[in-house]
Amino acid sequence: MSDSDILALATARGYTIGAESDTTEEIISDFLDEQEIKYPFTQAELEELTVSEIETIATARSYTITETLKADIITEFLTQQNA
């Protein structure tokens, strides 16, 4: 998922992403702040993200990611999200 995809999703949900959000991590952080980190991600949505993006979201949600393979990271993320 590209920065423009994230911004388009944010706009569709009526979120405001700060103009100072230059990096993907800042954009994701602003996106999560806007939705109060409550939106549950689906496996399909996580598969569209990079490992770095998933790890950024996981950190923002205080999840612990110990796996290294993307599929395992997604499983670990979903397990913690659904706990």
PDB file of N, CA and C in Angstrom:
ATOM      1  N   MET A   1       0.861  -1.161   0.000  1.00  0.00           N
ATOM      2  CA  MET A   1       0.000   0.000   0.000  1.00  0.00           C
ATOM      3  C   MET A   1       0.911   1.229   0.000  1.00  0.00           C
ATOM      4  N   SER A   2       0.715   2.108  -0.931  1.00  0.00           N
ATOM      5  CA  SER A   2       1.555   3.292  -1.049  1.00  0.00           C
ATOM      6  C   SER A   2       1.048   4.417  -0.145  1.00  0.00           C
ATOM      7  N   ASP A   3       1.892   5.436   0.006  1.00  0.00           N
ATOM      8  CA  ASP A   3       1.485   6.603   0.788  1.00  0.00           C
ATOM      9  C   ASP A   3       0.196   7.195   0.237  1.00  0.00           C
ATOM     10  N   SER A   4       0.091   7.260  -1.094  1.00  0.00           N
ATOM     11  CA  SER A   4      -1.111   7.847  -1.694  1.00  0.00           C
ATOM     12  C   SER A   4      -2.341   6.988  -1.410  1.00  0.00           C
ATOM     13  N   ASP A   5      -2.157   5.660  -1.336  1.00  0.00           N
ATOM     14  CA  ASP A   5      -3.275   4.778  -0.991  1.00  0.00           C
ATOM     15  C   ASP A   5      -3.739   5.041   0.440  1.00  0.00           C
ATOM     16  N   ILE A   6      -2.781   5.198   1.342  1.00  0.00           N
ATOM     17  CA  ILE A   6      -3.106   5.468   2.743  1.00  0.00           C
ATOM     18  C   ILE A   6      -3.816   6.812   2.861  1.00  0.00           C
ATOM     19  N   LEU A   7      -3.306   7.808   2.157  1.00  0.00           N
ATOM     20  CA  LEU A   7      -3.932   9.132   2.191  1.00  0.00           C
ATOM     21  C   LEU A   7      -5.340   9.082   1.591  1.00  0.00           C
ATOM     22  N   ALA A   8      -5.531   8.296   0.527  1.00  0.00           N
ATOM     23  CA  ALA A   8      -6.855   8.170  -0.084  1.00  0.00           C
ATOM     24  C   ALA A   8      -7.828   7.499   0.881  1.00  0.00           C
ATOM     25  N   LEU A   9      -7.369   6.467   1.577  1.00  0.00           N
ATOM     26  CA  LEU A   9      -8.214   5.797   2.564  1.00  0.00           C
ATOM     27  C   LEU A   9      -8.560   6.750   3.698  1.00  0.00           C
ATOM     28  N   ALA A  10      -7.571   7.515   4.145  1.00  0.00           N
ATOM     29  CA  ALA A  10      -7.809   8.492   5.209  1.00  0.00           C
ATOM     30  C   ALA A  10      -8.840   9.521   4.775  1.00  0.00           C
ATOM     31  N   THR A  11      -8.713  10.011   3.562  1.00  0.00           N
ATOM     32  CA  THR A  11      -9.651  10.995   3.038  1.00  0.00           C
ATOM     33  C   THR A  11     -11.052  10.401   2.937  1.00  0.00           C
ATOM     34  N   ALA A  12     -11.143   9.165   2.475  1.00  0.00           N
ATOM     35  CA  ALA A  12     -12.441   8.504   2.344  1.00  0.00           C
ATOM     36  C   ALA A  12     -13.127   8.342   3.697  1.00  0.00           C
ATOM     37  N   ARG A  13     -12.317   8.202   4.752  1.00  0.00           N
ATOM     38  CA  ARG A  13     -12.880   8.058   6.095  1.00  0.00           C
ATOM     39  C   ARG A  13     -13.044   9.403   6.799  1.00  0.00           C
ATOM     40  N   GLY A  14     -12.691  10.486   6.116  1.00  0.00           N
ATOM     41  CA  GLY A  14     -12.857  11.809   6.696  1.00  0.00           C
ATOM     42  C   GLY A  14     -11.757  12.189   7.672  1.00  0.00           C
ATOM     43  N   TYR A  15     -10.618  11.525   7.593  1.00  0.00           N
ATOM     44  CA  TYR A  15      -9.502  11.816   8.489  1.00  0.00           C
ATOM     45  C   TYR A  15      -8.684  12.968   7.927  1.00  0.00           C
ATOM     46  N   THR A  16      -8.006  13.666   8.815  1.00  0.00           N
ATOM     47  CA  THR A  16      -7.107  14.732   8.411  1.00  0.00           C
ATOM     48  C   THR A  16      -5.691  14.292   8.715  1.00  0.00           C
ATOM     49  N   ILE A  17      -4.891  14.196   7.684  1.00  0.00           N
ATOM     50  CA  ILE A  17      -3.490  13.832   7.850  1.00  0.00           C
ATOM     51  C   ILE A  17      -2.680  15.115   7.743  1.00  0.00           C
ATOM     52  N   GLY A  18      -1.821  15.344   8.740  1.00  0.00           N
ATOM     53  CA  GLY A  18      -1.041  16.572   8.796  1.00  0.00           C
ATOM     54  C   GLY A  18      -0.159  16.773   7.583  1.00  0.00           C
ATOM     55  N   ALA A  19      -0.034  18.012   7.173  1.00  0.00           N
ATOM     56  CA  ALA A  19       0.805  18.358   6.023  1.00  0.00           C
ATOM     57  C   ALA A  19       2.270  18.061   6.298  1.00  0.00           C
ATOM     58  N   GLU A  20       2.642  18.001   7.576  1.00  0.00           N
ATOM     59  CA  GLU A  20       4.034  17.729   7.935  1.00  0.00           C
ATOM     60  C   GLU A  20       4.359  16.239   7.888  1.00  0.00           C
ATOM     61  N   SER A  21       3.409  15.422   7.539  1.00  0.00           N
ATOM     62  CA  SER A  21       3.622  13.975   7.456  1.00  0.00           C
ATOM     63  C   SER A  21       4.333  13.650   6.151  1.00  0.00           C
ATOM     64  N   ASP A  22       5.653  13.549   6.230  1.00  0.00           N
ATOM     65  CA  ASP A  22       6.452  13.341   5.030  1.00  0.00           C
ATOM     66  C   ASP A  22       6.791  11.875   4.773  1.00  0.00           C
ATOM     67  N   THR A  23       6.998  11.117   5.830  1.00  0.00           N
ATOM     68  CA  THR A  23       7.398   9.728   5.655  1.00  0.00           C
ATOM     69  C   THR A  23       6.200   8.811   5.797  1.00  0.00           C
ATOM     70  N   THR A  24       6.341   7.622   5.284  1.00  0.00           N
ATOM     71  CA  THR A  24       5.273   6.633   5.404  1.00  0.00           C
ATOM     72  C   THR A  24       4.931   6.402   6.863  1.00  0.00           C
ATOM     73  N   GLU A  25       5.943   6.312   7.711  1.00  0.00           N
ATOM     74  CA  GLU A  25       5.719   6.086   9.130  1.00  0.00           C
ATOM     75  C   GLU A  25       4.897   7.218   9.752  1.00  0.00           C
ATOM     76  N   GLU A  26       5.181   8.471   9.370  1.00  0.00           N
ATOM     77  CA  GLU A  26       4.424   9.613   9.885  1.00  0.00           C
ATOM     78  C   GLU A  26       2.983   9.583   9.378  1.00  0.00           C
ATOM     79  N   ILE A  27       2.816   9.211   8.131  1.00  0.00           N
ATOM     80  CA  ILE A  27       1.474   9.132   7.559  1.00  0.00           C
ATOM     81  C   ILE A  27       0.674   8.049   8.273  1.00  0.00           C
ATOM     82  N   ILE A  28       1.284   6.888   8.486  1.00  0.00           N
ATOM     83  CA  ILE A  28       0.604   5.808   9.198  1.00  0.00           C
ATOM     84  C   ILE A  28       0.286   6.231  10.623  1.00  0.00           C
ATOM     85  N   SER A  29       1.225   6.874  11.270  1.00  0.00           N
ATOM     86  CA  SER A  29       1.012   7.325  12.643  1.00  0.00           C
ATOM     87  C   SER A  29      -0.167   8.289  12.723  1.00  0.00           C
ATOM     88  N   ASP A  30      -0.214   9.258  11.805  1.00  0.00           N
ATOM     89  CA  ASP A  30      -1.326  10.200  11.768  1.00  0.00           C
ATOM     90  C   ASP A  30      -2.646   9.475  11.484  1.00  0.00           C
ATOM     91  N   PHE A  31      -2.605   8.518  10.555  1.00  0.00           N
ATOM     92  CA  PHE A  31      -3.793   7.745  10.221  1.00  0.00           C
ATOM     93  C   PHE A  31      -4.314   7.025  11.459  1.00  0.00           C
ATOM     94  N   LEU A  32      -3.415   6.381  12.189  1.00  0.00           N
ATOM     95  CA  LEU A  32      -3.820   5.650  13.390  1.00  0.00           C
ATOM     96  C   LEU A  32      -4.339   6.591  14.466  1.00  0.00           C
ATOM     97  N   ASP A  33      -3.708   7.743  14.599  1.00  0.00           N
ATOM     98  CA  ASP A  33      -4.194   8.722  15.569  1.00  0.00           C
ATOM     99  C   ASP A  33      -5.625   9.142  15.233  1.00  0.00           C
ATOM    100  N   GLU A  34      -5.892   9.336  13.960  1.00  0.00           N
ATOM    101  CA  GLU A  34      -7.215   9.771  13.524  1.00  0.00           C
ATOM    102  C   GLU A  34      -8.289   8.735  13.832  1.00  0.00           C
ATOM    103  N   GLN A  35      -7.950   7.493  13.739  1.00  0.00           N
ATOM    104  CA  GLN A  35      -8.958   6.471  13.995  1.00  0.00           C
ATOM    105  C   GLN A  35      -8.837   5.892  15.387  1.00  0.00           C
ATOM    106  N   GLU A  36      -8.053   6.554  16.219  1.00  0.00           N
ATOM    107  CA  GLU A  36      -7.872   6.185  17.616  1.00  0.00           C
ATOM    108  C   GLU A  36      -7.423   4.742  17.774  1.00  0.00           C
ATOM    109  N   ILE A  37      -6.701   4.280  16.781  1.00  0.00           N
ATOM    110  CA  ILE A  37      -6.092   2.940  16.802  1.00  0.00           C
ATOM    111  C   ILE A  37      -7.113   1.852  17.142  1.00  0.00           C
ATOM    112  N   LYS A  38      -8.330   1.979  16.638  1.00  0.00           N
ATOM    113  CA  LYS A  38      -9.367   0.993  16.928  1.00  0.00           C
ATOM    114  C   LYS A  38      -9.755   0.166  15.713  1.00  0.00           C
ATOM    115  N   TYR A  39      -9.403   0.620  14.554  1.00  0.00           N
ATOM    116  CA  TYR A  39      -9.810  -0.060  13.333  1.00  0.00           C
ATOM    117  C   TYR A  39      -9.140  -1.421  13.236  1.00  0.00           C
ATOM    118  N   PRO A  40      -9.913  -2.484  13.130  1.00  0.00           N
ATOM    119  CA  PRO A  40      -9.302  -3.803  12.983  1.00  0.00           C
ATOM    120  C   PRO A  40      -8.864  -4.044  11.533  1.00  0.00           C
ATOM    121  N   PHE A  41      -7.638  -4.427  11.354  1.00  0.00           N
ATOM    122  CA  PHE A  41      -7.118  -4.731  10.028  1.00  0.00           C
ATOM    123  C   PHE A  41      -7.471  -6.160   9.647  1.00  0.00           C
ATOM    124  N   THR A  42      -7.752  -6.376   8.388  1.00  0.00           N
ATOM    125  CA  THR A  42      -7.985  -7.727   7.886  1.00  0.00           C
ATOM    126  C   THR A  42      -6.658  -8.298   7.401  1.00  0.00           C
ATOM    127  N   GLN A  43      -6.622  -9.596   7.229  1.00  0.00           N
ATOM    128  CA  GLN A  43      -5.421 -10.228   6.702  1.00  0.00           C
ATOM    129  C   GLN A  43      -5.093  -9.668   5.326  1.00  0.00           C
ATOM    130  N   ALA A  44      -6.091  -9.502   4.495  1.00  0.00           N
ATOM    131  CA  ALA A  44      -5.878  -8.979   3.138  1.00  0.00           C
ATOM    132  C   ALA A  44      -5.264  -7.578   3.174  1.00  0.00           C
ATOM    133  N   GLU A  45      -5.735  -6.729   4.080  1.00  0.00           N
ATOM    134  CA  GLU A  45      -5.176  -5.378   4.188  1.00  0.00           C
ATOM    135  C   GLU A  45      -3.727  -5.430   4.636  1.00  0.00           C
ATOM    136  N   LEU A  46      -3.428  -6.285   5.594  1.00  0.00           N
ATOM    137  CA  LEU A  46      -2.055  -6.405   6.079  1.00  0.00           C
ATOM    138  C   LEU A  46      -1.131  -6.953   4.995  1.00  0.00           C
ATOM    139  N   GLU A  47      -1.632  -7.852   4.177  1.00  0.00           N
ATOM    140  CA  GLU A  47      -0.819  -8.416   3.097  1.00  0.00           C
ATOM    141  C   GLU A  47      -0.422  -7.358   2.074  1.00  0.00           C
ATOM    142  N   GLU A  48      -1.207  -6.294   1.959  1.00  0.00           N
ATOM    143  CA  GLU A  48      -0.890  -5.205   1.026  1.00  0.00           C
ATOM    144  C   GLU A  48       0.188  -4.278   1.572  1.00  0.00           C
ATOM    145  N   LEU A  49       0.433  -4.324   2.873  1.00  0.00           N
ATOM    146  CA  LEU A  49       1.424  -3.461   3.505  1.00  0.00           C
ATOM    147  C   LEU A  49       2.799  -4.110   3.487  1.00  0.00           C
ATOM    148  N   THR A  50       3.825  -3.278   3.637  1.00  0.00           N
ATOM    149  CA  THR A  50       5.176  -3.811   3.777  1.00  0.00           C
ATOM    150  C   THR A  50       5.374  -4.260   5.217  1.00  0.00           C
ATOM    151  N   VAL A  51       6.407  -5.050   5.436  1.00  0.00           N
ATOM    152  CA  VAL A  51       6.725  -5.486   6.796  1.00  0.00           C
ATOM    153  C   VAL A  51       6.974  -4.271   7.686  1.00  0.00           C
ATOM    154  N   SER A  52       7.673  -3.285   7.158  1.00  0.00           N
ATOM    155  CA  SER A  52       7.950  -2.066   7.925  1.00  0.00           C
ATOM    156  C   SER A  52       6.668  -1.360   8.327  1.00  0.00           C
ATOM    157  N   GLU A  53       5.723  -1.277   7.415  1.00  0.00           N
ATOM    158  CA  GLU A  53       4.443  -0.629   7.720  1.00  0.00           C
ATOM    159  C   GLU A  53       3.671  -1.403   8.782  1.00  0.00           C
ATOM    160  N   ILE A  54       3.665  -2.732   8.658  1.00  0.00           N
ATOM    161  CA  ILE A  54       2.981  -3.555   9.661  1.00  0.00           C
ATOM    162  C   ILE A  54       3.639  -3.371  11.022  1.00  0.00           C
ATOM    163  N   GLU A  55       4.962  -3.364  11.050  1.00  0.00           N
ATOM    164  CA  GLU A  55       5.675  -3.189  12.317  1.00  0.00           C
ATOM    165  C   GLU A  55       5.407  -1.820  12.927  1.00  0.00           C
ATOM    166  N   THR A  56       5.273  -0.797  12.102  1.00  0.00           N
ATOM    167  CA  THR A  56       4.957   0.547  12.589  1.00  0.00           C
ATOM    168  C   THR A  56       3.577   0.566  13.238  1.00  0.00           C
ATOM    169  N   ILE A  57       2.611  -0.057  12.584  1.00  0.00           N
ATOM    170  CA  ILE A  57       1.257  -0.124  13.135  1.00  0.00           C
ATOM    171  C   ILE A  57       1.259  -0.945  14.421  1.00  0.00           C
ATOM    172  N   ALA A  58       1.971  -2.055  14.406  1.00  0.00           N
ATOM    173  CA  ALA A  58       2.054  -2.908  15.599  1.00  0.00           C
ATOM    174  C   ALA A  58       2.643  -2.138  16.774  1.00  0.00           C
ATOM    175  N   THR A  59       3.687  -1.396  16.537  1.00  0.00           N
ATOM    176  CA  THR A  59       4.308  -0.594  17.592  1.00  0.00           C
ATOM    177  C   THR A  59       3.328   0.438  18.134  1.00  0.00           C
ATOM    178  N   ALA A  60       2.593   1.087  17.233  1.00  0.00           N
ATOM    179  CA  ALA A  60       1.612   2.090  17.654  1.00  0.00           C
ATOM    180  C   ALA A  60       0.522   1.466  18.513  1.00  0.00           C
ATOM    181  N   ARG A  61       0.248   0.202  18.287  1.00  0.00           N
ATOM    182  CA  ARG A  61      -0.787  -0.509  19.050  1.00  0.00           C
ATOM    183  C   ARG A  61      -0.206  -1.279  20.239  1.00  0.00           C
ATOM    184  N   SER A  62       1.077  -1.127  20.478  1.00  0.00           N
ATOM    185  CA  SER A  62       1.778  -1.817  21.575  1.00  0.00           C
ATOM    186  C   SER A  62       1.762  -3.329  21.427  1.00  0.00           C
ATOM    187  N   TYR A  63       1.757  -3.808  20.182  1.00  0.00           N
ATOM    188  CA  TYR A  63       1.867  -5.234  19.917  1.00  0.00           C
ATOM    189  C   TYR A  63       3.351  -5.596  19.913  1.00  0.00           C
ATOM    190  N   THR A  64       3.647  -6.830  20.221  1.00  0.00           N
ATOM    191  CA  THR A  64       5.018  -7.324  20.175  1.00  0.00           C
ATOM    192  C   THR A  64       5.150  -8.235  18.963  1.00  0.00           C
ATOM    193  N   ILE A  65       6.032  -7.872  18.061  1.00  0.00           N
ATOM    194  CA  ILE A  65       6.289  -8.672  16.873  1.00  0.00           C
ATOM    195  C   ILE A  65       7.648  -9.328  17.032  1.00  0.00           C
ATOM    196  N   THR A  66       7.662 -10.656  17.018  1.00  0.00           N
ATOM    197  CA  THR A  66       8.908 -11.399  17.183  1.00  0.00           C
ATOM    198  C   THR A  66       9.277 -12.185  15.933  1.00  0.00           C
ATOM    199  N   GLU A  67       8.322 -12.349  15.035  1.00  0.00           N
ATOM    200  CA  GLU A  67       8.542 -13.129  13.823  1.00  0.00           C
ATOM    201  C   GLU A  67       9.317 -12.315  12.787  1.00  0.00           C
ATOM    202  N   THR A  68       9.857 -13.000  11.778  1.00  0.00           N
ATOM    203  CA  THR A  68      10.613 -12.308  10.737  1.00  0.00           C
ATOM    204  C   THR A  68      10.008 -12.474   9.342  1.00  0.00           C
ATOM    205  N   LEU A  69       9.277 -13.550   9.117  1.00  0.00           N
ATOM    206  CA  LEU A  69       8.619 -13.741   7.828  1.00  0.00           C
ATOM    207  C   LEU A  69       7.290 -12.991   7.815  1.00  0.00           C
ATOM    208  N   LYS A  70       6.992 -12.347   6.691  1.00  0.00           N
ATOM    209  CA  LYS A  70       5.802 -11.511   6.603  1.00  0.00           C
ATOM    210  C   LYS A  70       4.534 -12.269   6.980  1.00  0.00           C
ATOM    211  N   ALA A  71       4.362 -13.473   6.477  1.00  0.00           N
ATOM    212  CA  ALA A  71       3.150 -14.249   6.786  1.00  0.00           C
ATOM    213  C   ALA A  71       3.041 -14.498   8.285  1.00  0.00           C
ATOM    214  N   ASP A  72       4.164 -14.791   8.918  1.00  0.00           N
ATOM    215  CA  ASP A  72       4.160 -15.032  10.363  1.00  0.00           C
ATOM    216  C   ASP A  72       3.917 -13.748  11.144  1.00  0.00           C
ATOM    217  N   ILE A  73       4.444 -12.635  10.634  1.00  0.00           N
ATOM    218  CA  ILE A  73       4.219 -11.330  11.267  1.00  0.00           C
ATOM    219  C   ILE A  73       2.727 -10.999  11.224  1.00  0.00           C
ATOM    220  N   ILE A  74       2.106 -11.242  10.081  1.00  0.00           N
ATOM    221  CA  ILE A  74       0.667 -10.975   9.938  1.00  0.00           C
ATOM    222  C   ILE A  74      -0.129 -11.835  10.908  1.00  0.00           C
ATOM    223  N   THR A  75       0.208 -13.106  11.009  1.00  0.00           N
ATOM    224  CA  THR A  75      -0.480 -13.998  11.950  1.00  0.00           C
ATOM    225  C   THR A  75      -0.320 -13.488  13.380  1.00  0.00           C
ATOM    226  N   GLU A  76       0.895 -13.097  13.724  1.00  0.00           N
ATOM    227  CA  GLU A  76       1.172 -12.589  15.066  1.00  0.00           C
ATOM    228  C   GLU A  76       0.385 -11.297  15.333  1.00  0.00           C
ATOM    229  N   PHE A  77       0.350 -10.414  14.350  1.00  0.00           N
ATOM    230  CA  PHE A  77      -0.395  -9.161  14.448  1.00  0.00           C
ATOM    231  C   PHE A  77      -1.878  -9.445  14.683  1.00  0.00           C
ATOM    232  N   LEU A  78      -2.452 -10.313  13.838  1.00  0.00           N
ATOM    233  CA  LEU A  78      -3.885 -10.609  13.950  1.00  0.00           C
ATOM    234  C   LEU A  78      -4.229 -11.278  15.266  1.00  0.00           C
ATOM    235  N   THR A  79      -3.346 -12.121  15.756  1.00  0.00           N
ATOM    236  CA  THR A  79      -3.576 -12.777  17.046  1.00  0.00           C
ATOM    237  C   THR A  79      -3.672 -11.742  18.159  1.00  0.00           C
ATOM    238  N   GLN A  80      -2.752 -10.775  18.155  1.00  0.00           N
ATOM    239  CA  GLN A  80      -2.762  -9.737  19.183  1.00  0.00           C
ATOM    240  C   GLN A  80      -3.932  -8.775  18.993  1.00  0.00           C
ATOM    241  N   GLN A  81      -4.274  -8.477  17.764  1.00  0.00           N
ATOM    242  CA  GLN A  81      -5.400  -7.587  17.496  1.00  0.00           C
ATOM    243  C   GLN A  81      -6.695  -8.205  18.008  1.00  0.00           C
ATOM    244  N   ASN A  82      -6.831  -9.493  17.846  1.00  0.00           N
ATOM    245  CA  ASN A  82      -8.077 -10.177  18.191  1.00  0.00           C
ATOM    246  C   ASN A  82      -8.112 -10.687  19.616  1.00  0.00           C
ATOM    247  N   ALA A  83      -7.069 -10.403  20.392  1.00  0.00           N
ATOM    248  CA  ALA A  83      -7.010 -10.890  21.786  1.00  0.00           C
ATOM    249  C   ALA A  83      -7.962 -10.115  22.674  1.00  0.00           C
TER     250      ALA A  83
END
